[in-house]
């Protein structure tokens, strides 16, 4: 049985490729690095991401 992708699936894949190409895709290694850099402190990790969020949102616009 041959399966085809829907237009929505294709659009999602293209968006994922766009994010990857622009360095906005977090890999497991990247996440591990961030956690280690913040000494596995949940509050520090959360604060890091909250401080990073405006920068990410600005790039999207």
PDB file of N, CA and C in Angstrom:
ATOM      1  N   UNK A   1       0.850  -1.173   0.000  1.00  0.00           N
ATOM      2  CA  UNK A   1       0.000   0.000   0.000  1.00  0.00           C
ATOM      3  C   UNK A   1       0.903   1.246   0.000  1.00  0.00           C
ATOM      4  N   UNK A   2       0.658   2.125  -0.944  1.00  0.00           N
ATOM      5  CA  UNK A   2       1.429   3.349  -1.074  1.00  0.00           C
ATOM      6  C   UNK A   2       0.767   4.466  -0.262  1.00  0.00           C
ATOM      7  N   UNK A   3       1.574   5.121   0.582  1.00  0.00           N
ATOM      8  CA  UNK A   3       1.044   6.217   1.400  1.00  0.00           C
ATOM      9  C   UNK A   3       1.600   7.528   0.886  1.00  0.00           C
ATOM     10  N   UNK A   4       0.802   8.552   0.977  1.00  0.00           N
ATOM     11  CA  UNK A   4       1.240   9.886   0.573  1.00  0.00           C
ATOM     12  C   UNK A   4       1.063  10.836   1.752  1.00  0.00           C
ATOM     13  N   UNK A   5       1.832  11.904   1.726  1.00  0.00           N
ATOM     14  CA  UNK A   5       1.736  12.912   2.776  1.00  0.00           C
ATOM     15  C   UNK A   5       0.630  13.901   2.447  1.00  0.00           C
ATOM     16  N   UNK A   6      -0.038  14.378   3.496  1.00  0.00           N
ATOM     17  CA  UNK A   6      -1.049  15.408   3.305  1.00  0.00           C
ATOM     18  C   UNK A   6      -0.345  16.755   3.171  1.00  0.00           C
ATOM     19  N   UNK A   7      -1.062  17.741   2.695  1.00  0.00           N
ATOM     20  CA  UNK A   7      -0.497  19.097   2.578  1.00  0.00           C
ATOM     21  C   UNK A   7      -0.069  19.621   3.944  1.00  0.00           C
ATOM     22  N   UNK A   8      -0.830  19.305   4.983  1.00  0.00           N
ATOM     23  CA  UNK A   8      -0.505  19.731   6.346  1.00  0.00           C
ATOM     24  C   UNK A   8       0.811  19.096   6.795  1.00  0.00           C
ATOM     25  N   UNK A   9       1.000  17.812   6.518  1.00  0.00           N
ATOM     26  CA  UNK A   9       2.232  17.129   6.893  1.00  0.00           C
ATOM     27  C   UNK A   9       3.431  17.720   6.155  1.00  0.00           C
ATOM     28  N   UNK A  10       3.239  18.034   4.889  1.00  0.00           N
ATOM     29  CA  UNK A  10       4.310  18.646   4.100  1.00  0.00           C
ATOM     30  C   UNK A  10       4.656  20.017   4.659  1.00  0.00           C
ATOM     31  N   UNK A  11       3.639  20.811   5.002  1.00  0.00           N
ATOM     32  CA  UNK A  11       3.864  22.145   5.570  1.00  0.00           C
ATOM     33  C   UNK A  11       4.594  22.046   6.914  1.00  0.00           C
ATOM     34  N   UNK A  12       4.203  21.073   7.745  1.00  0.00           N
ATOM     35  CA  UNK A  12       4.869  20.874   9.031  1.00  0.00           C
ATOM     36  C   UNK A  12       6.340  20.500   8.831  1.00  0.00           C
ATOM     37  N   UNK A  13       6.603  19.625   7.873  1.00  0.00           N
ATOM     38  CA  UNK A  13       7.977  19.212   7.588  1.00  0.00           C
ATOM     39  C   UNK A  13       8.807  20.393   7.080  1.00  0.00           C
ATOM     40  N   UNK A  14       8.234  21.204   6.210  1.00  0.00           N
ATOM     41  CA  UNK A  14       8.949  22.373   5.699  1.00  0.00           C
ATOM     42  C   UNK A  14       9.257  23.356   6.816  1.00  0.00           C
ATOM     43  N   UNK A  15       8.321  23.531   7.745  1.00  0.00           N
ATOM     44  CA  UNK A  15       8.547  24.424   8.888  1.00  0.00           C
ATOM     45  C   UNK A  15       9.666  23.880   9.774  1.00  0.00           C
ATOM     46  N   UNK A  16       9.676  22.576  10.002  1.00  0.00           N
ATOM     47  CA  UNK A  16      10.727  21.949  10.791  1.00  0.00           C
ATOM     48  C   UNK A  16      12.087  22.147  10.128  1.00  0.00           C
ATOM     49  N   UNK A  17      12.153  21.969   8.821  1.00  0.00           N
ATOM     50  CA  UNK A  17      13.412  22.186   8.089  1.00  0.00           C
ATOM     51  C   UNK A  17      13.859  23.637   8.198  1.00  0.00           C
ATOM     52  N   UNK A  18      12.915  24.561   8.113  1.00  0.00           N
ATOM     53  CA  UNK A  18      13.224  25.985   8.232  1.00  0.00           C
ATOM     54  C   UNK A  18      13.818  26.287   9.615  1.00  0.00           C
ATOM     55  N   UNK A  19      13.193  25.751  10.658  1.00  0.00           N
ATOM     56  CA  UNK A  19      13.684  25.972  12.017  1.00  0.00           C
ATOM     57  C   UNK A  19      15.077  25.367  12.177  1.00  0.00           C
ATOM     58  N   UNK A  20      15.286  24.173  11.655  1.00  0.00           N
ATOM     59  CA  UNK A  20      16.597  23.529  11.747  1.00  0.00           C
ATOM     60  C   UNK A  20      17.656  24.362  11.032  1.00  0.00           C
ATOM     61  N   UNK A  21      17.334  24.833   9.842  1.00  0.00           N
ATOM     62  CA  UNK A  21      18.288  25.605   9.050  1.00  0.00           C
ATOM     63  C   UNK A  21      18.640  26.943   9.691  1.00  0.00           C
ATOM     64  N   UNK A  22      17.761  27.450  10.546  1.00  0.00           N
ATOM     65  CA  UNK A  22      18.005  28.726  11.213  1.00  0.00           C
ATOM     66  C   UNK A  22      18.483  28.548  12.654  1.00  0.00           C
ATOM     67  N   UNK A  23      18.865  27.329  13.007  1.00  0.00           N
ATOM     68  CA  UNK A  23      19.453  27.077  14.324  1.00  0.00           C
ATOM     69  C   UNK A  23      18.484  27.161  15.479  1.00  0.00           C
ATOM     70  N   UNK A  24      17.209  26.904  15.243  1.00  0.00           N
ATOM     71  CA  UNK A  24      16.219  27.001  16.316  1.00  0.00           C
ATOM     72  C   UNK A  24      15.629  25.644  16.685  1.00  0.00           C
ATOM     73  N   UNK A  25      16.403  24.603  16.483  1.00  0.00           N
ATOM     74  CA  UNK A  25      15.945  23.265  16.832  1.00  0.00           C
ATOM     75  C   UNK A  25      16.828  22.758  17.970  1.00  0.00           C
ATOM     76  N   UNK A  26      16.228  22.420  19.081  1.00  0.00           N
ATOM     77  CA  UNK A  26      16.979  21.977  20.254  1.00  0.00           C
ATOM     78  C   UNK A  26      17.185  20.470  20.182  1.00  0.00           C
ATOM     79  N   UNK A  27      18.428  20.058  20.167  1.00  0.00           N
ATOM     80  CA  UNK A  27      18.769  18.638  20.124  1.00  0.00           C
ATOM     81  C   UNK A  27      18.916  18.106  21.544  1.00  0.00           C
ATOM     82  N   UNK A  28      18.881  16.796  21.717  1.00  0.00           N
ATOM     83  CA  UNK A  28      19.113  16.241  23.056  1.00  0.00           C
ATOM     84  C   UNK A  28      20.470  16.671  23.626  1.00  0.00           C
ATOM     85  N   UNK A  29      21.494  16.734  22.782  1.00  0.00           N
ATOM     86  CA  UNK A  29      22.803  17.178  23.253  1.00  0.00           C
ATOM     87  C   UNK A  29      22.763  18.643  23.693  1.00  0.00           C
ATOM     88  N   UNK A  30      22.039  19.466  22.954  1.00  0.00           N
ATOM     89  CA  UNK A  30      21.908  20.873  23.322  1.00  0.00           C
ATOM     90  C   UNK A  30      21.186  21.038  24.640  1.00  0.00           C
ATOM     91  N   UNK A  31      20.137  20.261  24.830  1.00  0.00           N
ATOM     92  CA  UNK A  31      19.388  20.316  26.085  1.00  0.00           C
ATOM     93  C   UNK A  31      20.255  19.847  27.252  1.00  0.00           C
ATOM     94  N   UNK A  32      21.010  18.794  27.042  1.00  0.00           N
ATOM     95  CA  UNK A  32      21.915  18.285  28.074  1.00  0.00           C
ATOM     96  C   UNK A  32      22.955  19.346  28.439  1.00  0.00           C
ATOM     97  N   UNK A  33      23.480  20.042  27.444  1.00  0.00           N
ATOM     98  CA  UNK A  33      24.460  21.096  27.671  1.00  0.00           C
ATOM     99  C   UNK A  33      23.866  22.219  28.530  1.00  0.00           C
ATOM    100  N   UNK A  34      22.650  22.626  28.196  1.00  0.00           N
ATOM    101  CA  UNK A  34      21.986  23.694  28.955  1.00  0.00           C
ATOM    102  C   UNK A  34      21.754  23.257  30.398  1.00  0.00           C
ATOM    103  N   UNK A  35      21.318  22.015  30.577  1.00  0.00           N
ATOM    104  CA  UNK A  35      21.083  21.507  31.934  1.00  0.00           C
ATOM    105  C   UNK A  35      22.380  21.449  32.735  1.00  0.00           C
ATOM    106  N   UNK A  36      23.452  20.961  32.104  1.00  0.00           N
ATOM    107  CA  UNK A  36      24.743  20.902  32.793  1.00  0.00           C
ATOM    108  C   UNK A  36      25.246  22.303  33.136  1.00  0.00           C
ATOM    109  N   UNK A  37      25.074  23.241  32.220  1.00  0.00           N
ATOM    110  CA  UNK A  37      25.545  24.610  32.448  1.00  0.00           C
ATOM    111  C   UNK A  37      24.811  25.265  33.611  1.00  0.00           C
ATOM    112  N   UNK A  38      23.594  24.808  33.885  1.00  0.00           N
ATOM    113  CA  UNK A  38      22.805  25.362  34.985  1.00  0.00           C
ATOM    114  C   UNK A  38      22.780  24.418  36.188  1.00  0.00           C
ATOM    115  N   UNK A  39      23.762  23.510  36.239  1.00  0.00           N
ATOM    116  CA  UNK A  39      23.913  22.575  37.366  1.00  0.00           C
ATOM    117  C   UNK A  39      22.637  21.782  37.663  1.00  0.00           C
ATOM    118  N   UNK A  40      21.880  21.468  36.633  1.00  0.00           N
ATOM    119  CA  UNK A  40      20.644  20.681  36.743  1.00  0.00           C
ATOM    120  C   UNK A  40      19.644  21.310  37.708  1.00  0.00           C
ATOM    121  N   UNK A  41      19.737  22.619  37.896  1.00  0.00           N
ATOM    122  CA  UNK A  41      18.824  23.349  38.765  1.00  0.00           C
ATOM    123  C   UNK A  41      17.615  23.748  37.927  1.00  0.00           C
ATOM    124  N   UNK A  42      16.451  23.190  38.264  1.00  0.00           N
ATOM    125  CA  UNK A  42      15.245  23.409  37.472  1.00  0.00           C
ATOM    126  C   UNK A  42      14.884  24.894  37.367  1.00  0.00           C
ATOM    127  N   UNK A  43      15.025  25.636  38.444  1.00  0.00           N
ATOM    128  CA  UNK A  43      14.703  27.062  38.401  1.00  0.00           C
ATOM    129  C   UNK A  43      15.648  27.817  37.476  1.00  0.00           C
ATOM    130  N   UNK A  44      16.925  27.487  37.528  1.00  0.00           N
ATOM    131  CA  UNK A  44      17.907  28.159  36.666  1.00  0.00           C
ATOM    132  C   UNK A  44      17.665  27.815  35.196  1.00  0.00           C
ATOM    133  N   UNK A  45      17.324  26.567  34.930  1.00  0.00           N
ATOM    134  CA  UNK A  45      17.038  26.148  33.553  1.00  0.00           C
ATOM    135  C   UNK A  45      15.803  26.879  33.040  1.00  0.00           C
ATOM    136  N   UNK A  46      14.770  26.934  33.861  1.00  0.00           N
ATOM    137  CA  UNK A  46      13.547  27.638  33.478  1.00  0.00           C
ATOM    138  C   UNK A  46      13.790  29.113  33.243  1.00  0.00           C
ATOM    139  N   UNK A  47      14.575  29.726  34.113  1.00  0.00           N
ATOM    140  CA  UNK A  47      14.902  31.144  33.967  1.00  0.00           C
ATOM    141  C   UNK A  47      15.666  31.382  32.663  1.00  0.00           C
ATOM    142  N   UNK A  48      16.597  30.473  32.339  1.00  0.00           N
ATOM    143  CA  UNK A  48      17.360  30.583  31.097  1.00  0.00           C
ATOM    144  C   UNK A  48      16.424  30.592  29.884  1.00  0.00           C
ATOM    145  N   UNK A  49      15.496  29.645  29.862  1.00  0.00           N
ATOM    146  CA  UNK A  49      14.579  29.573  28.722  1.00  0.00           C
ATOM    147  C   UNK A  49      13.630  30.770  28.672  1.00  0.00           C
ATOM    148  N   UNK A  50      13.185  31.238  29.826  1.00  0.00           N
ATOM    149  CA  UNK A  50      12.313  32.411  29.846  1.00  0.00           C
ATOM    150  C   UNK A  50      13.044  33.659  29.368  1.00  0.00           C
ATOM    151  N   UNK A  51      14.325  33.773  29.697  1.00  0.00           N
ATOM    152  CA  UNK A  51      15.111  34.908  29.219  1.00  0.00           C
ATOM    153  C   UNK A  51      15.403  34.786  27.726  1.00  0.00           C
ATOM    154  N   UNK A  52      15.492  33.576  27.225  1.00  0.00           N
ATOM    155  CA  UNK A  52      15.778  33.326  25.820  1.00  0.00           C
ATOM    156  C   UNK A  52      14.545  33.520  24.931  1.00  0.00           C
ATOM    157  N   UNK A  53      13.369  33.314  25.483  1.00  0.00           N
ATOM    158  CA  UNK A  53      12.127  33.352  24.707  1.00  0.00           C
ATOM    159  C   UNK A  53      11.921  34.641  23.917  1.00  0.00           C
ATOM    160  N   UNK A  54      12.105  35.825  24.481  1.00  0.00           N
ATOM    161  CA  UNK A  54      11.904  37.045  23.687  1.00  0.00           C
ATOM    162  C   UNK A  54      12.831  37.121  22.464  1.00  0.00           C
ATOM    163  N   UNK A  55      14.043  36.607  22.617  1.00  0.00           N
ATOM    164  CA  UNK A  55      14.986  36.601  21.501  1.00  0.00           C
ATOM    165  C   UNK A  55      14.480  35.701  20.378  1.00  0.00           C
ATOM    166  N   UNK A  56      13.954  34.551  20.747  1.00  0.00           N
ATOM    167  CA  UNK A  56      13.430  33.610  19.749  1.00  0.00           C
ATOM    168  C   UNK A  56      12.212  34.206  19.050  1.00  0.00           C
ATOM    169  N   UNK A  57      11.310  34.786  19.851  1.00  0.00           N
ATOM    170  CA  UNK A  57      10.097  35.371  19.275  1.00  0.00           C
ATOM    171  C   UNK A  57      10.420  36.530  18.348  1.00  0.00           C
ATOM    172  N   UNK A  58      11.425  37.313  18.684  1.00  0.00           N
ATOM    173  CA  UNK A  58      11.821  38.448  17.855  1.00  0.00           C
ATOM    174  C   UNK A  58      12.329  37.967  16.494  1.00  0.00           C
ATOM    175  N   UNK A  59      13.097  36.872  16.474  1.00  0.00           N
ATOM    176  CA  UNK A  59      13.634  36.326  15.233  1.00  0.00           C
ATOM    177  C   UNK A  59      12.538  35.801  14.310  1.00  0.00           C
ATOM    178  N   UNK A  60      11.440  35.319  14.876  1.00  0.00           N
ATOM    179  CA  UNK A  60      10.346  34.765  14.078  1.00  0.00           C
ATOM    180  C   UNK A  60       9.618  35.844  13.289  1.00  0.00           C
ATOM    181  N   UNK A  61       9.626  37.068  13.806  1.00  0.00           N
ATOM    182  CA  UNK A  61       8.868  38.140  13.162  1.00  0.00           C
ATOM    183  C   UNK A  61       9.627  38.754  12.076  1.00  0.00           C
TER     184      UNK A  61
END
